[in-house]
Amino acid sequence: MANKNPKRPPNAVLFKNQWQTGKTIQKRIPVAIEQEVIAIAQCLDQNPSIASQVLAFAKALAEQTEN
């Protein structure tokens, strides 16, 4: 007879976090920009101190496309 309540191993055993900055979450992103978003996230993970510069640059680009 199969065990109705199998014990699951701790999450650390199931998946090793590959991000240096800590815990992760799941978010949905468009497939068309998936690789670009991952590349930006990896850059930020390598150097979190540049986050404010990246955000300012992204906002400036968004403003240019609005005008």
C-alpha atoms as a PDB file:
ATOM      1  CA  MET A   1       0.000   0.000   0.000  1.00  0.00           C
ATOM      2  CA  ALA A   2       1.378   3.429  -0.963  1.00  0.00           C
ATOM      3  CA  ASN A   3       2.155   5.990   1.695  1.00  0.00           C
ATOM      4  CA  LYS A   4      -0.700   8.543   1.748  1.00  0.00           C
ATOM      5  CA  ASN A   5       1.457  11.179   3.445  1.00  0.00           C
ATOM      6  CA  PRO A   6       4.980  10.935   2.052  1.00  0.00           C
ATOM      7  CA  LYS A   7       7.541  13.227   3.679  1.00  0.00           C
ATOM      8  CA  ARG A   8       9.027  15.748   1.314  1.00  0.00           C
ATOM      9  CA  PRO A   9      12.729  16.639   1.605  1.00  0.00           C
ATOM     10  CA  PRO A  10      13.599  20.226   2.596  1.00  0.00           C
ATOM     11  CA  ASN A  11      13.618  22.773  -0.236  1.00  0.00           C
ATOM     12  CA  ALA A  12      17.380  23.152   0.051  1.00  0.00           C
ATOM     13  CA  VAL A  13      17.725  19.536  -1.070  1.00  0.00           C
ATOM     14  CA  LEU A  14      15.379  20.020  -4.019  1.00  0.00           C
ATOM     15  CA  PHE A  15      16.882  23.179  -5.512  1.00  0.00           C
ATOM     16  CA  LYS A  16      20.085  25.123  -4.921  1.00  0.00           C
ATOM     17  CA  ASN A  17      19.679  28.871  -5.310  1.00  0.00           C
ATOM     18  CA  GLN A  18      21.993  30.145  -8.045  1.00  0.00           C
ATOM     19  CA  TRP A  19      21.432  33.839  -7.293  1.00  0.00           C
ATOM     20  CA  GLN A  20      23.984  35.629  -5.112  1.00  0.00           C
ATOM     21  CA  THR A  21      21.548  38.200  -3.741  1.00  0.00           C
ATOM     22  CA  GLY A  22      19.302  35.687  -1.985  1.00  0.00           C
ATOM     23  CA  LYS A  23      15.818  34.260  -2.276  1.00  0.00           C
ATOM     24  CA  THR A  24      13.921  34.340  -5.559  1.00  0.00           C
ATOM     25  CA  ILE A  25      10.287  34.574  -6.650  1.00  0.00           C
ATOM     26  CA  GLN A  26       8.477  33.520  -9.786  1.00  0.00           C
ATOM     27  CA  LYS A  27       7.193  36.184 -12.172  1.00  0.00           C
ATOM     28  CA  ARG A  28       5.736  35.941 -15.633  1.00  0.00           C
ATOM     29  CA  ILE A  29       7.518  37.842 -18.388  1.00  0.00           C
ATOM     30  CA  PRO A  30       6.854  37.983 -22.111  1.00  0.00           C
ATOM     31  CA  VAL A  31       8.756  35.316 -24.027  1.00  0.00           C
ATOM     32  CA  ALA A  32       9.844  37.913 -26.580  1.00  0.00           C
ATOM     33  CA  ILE A  33      12.036  39.684 -23.978  1.00  0.00           C
ATOM     34  CA  GLU A  34      12.890  36.731 -21.730  1.00  0.00           C
ATOM     35  CA  GLN A  35      16.609  36.589 -22.530  1.00  0.00           C
ATOM     36  CA  GLU A  36      17.058  40.343 -22.136  1.00  0.00           C
ATOM     37  CA  VAL A  37      15.296  40.396 -18.761  1.00  0.00           C
ATOM     38  CA  ILE A  38      17.375  37.452 -17.519  1.00  0.00           C
ATOM     39  CA  ALA A  39      20.586  39.145 -18.683  1.00  0.00           C
ATOM     40  CA  ILE A  40      19.662  42.343 -16.815  1.00  0.00           C
ATOM     41  CA  ALA A  41      18.751  40.347 -13.697  1.00  0.00           C
ATOM     42  CA  GLN A  42      22.074  38.509 -13.831  1.00  0.00           C
ATOM     43  CA  CYS A  43      23.976  41.799 -14.116  1.00  0.00           C
ATOM     44  CA  LEU A  44      22.096  43.161 -11.115  1.00  0.00           C
ATOM     45  CA  ASP A  45      22.792  39.971  -9.187  1.00  0.00           C
ATOM     46  CA  GLN A  46      26.519  40.346  -9.873  1.00  0.00           C
ATOM     47  CA  ASN A  47      26.527  44.023  -8.859  1.00  0.00           C
ATOM     48  CA  PRO A  48      23.401  45.093  -6.905  1.00  0.00           C
ATOM     49  CA  SER A  49      24.858  48.571  -6.361  1.00  0.00           C
ATOM     50  CA  ILE A  50      24.078  49.488  -9.997  1.00  0.00           C
ATOM     51  CA  ALA A  51      20.320  48.927  -9.537  1.00  0.00           C
ATOM     52  CA  SER A  52      19.533  52.638  -9.127  1.00  0.00           C
ATOM     53  CA  GLN A  53      21.506  53.487 -12.279  1.00  0.00           C
ATOM     54  CA  VAL A  54      19.746  50.765 -14.284  1.00  0.00           C
ATOM     55  CA  LEU A  55      16.352  51.963 -13.065  1.00  0.00           C
ATOM     56  CA  ALA A  56      17.142  55.603 -13.912  1.00  0.00           C
ATOM     57  CA  PHE A  57      18.296  54.568 -17.382  1.00  0.00           C
ATOM     58  CA  ALA A  58      15.143  52.489 -17.956  1.00  0.00           C
ATOM     59  CA  LYS A  59      12.931  55.404 -16.875  1.00  0.00           C
ATOM     60  CA  ALA A  60      14.786  57.767 -19.215  1.00  0.00           C
ATOM     61  CA  LEU A  61      14.300  55.343 -22.108  1.00  0.00           C
ATOM     62  CA  ALA A  62      10.587  55.021 -21.307  1.00  0.00           C
ATOM     63  CA  GLU A  63      10.206  58.807 -21.284  1.00  0.00           C
ATOM     64  CA  GLN A  64      11.881  59.041 -24.701  1.00  0.00           C
ATOM     65  CA  THR A  65       9.446  56.561 -26.219  1.00  0.00           C
ATOM     66  CA  GLU A  66       6.462  58.463 -24.770  1.00  0.00           C
ATOM     67  CA  ASN A  67       7.442  61.715 -26.501  1.00  0.00           C
END
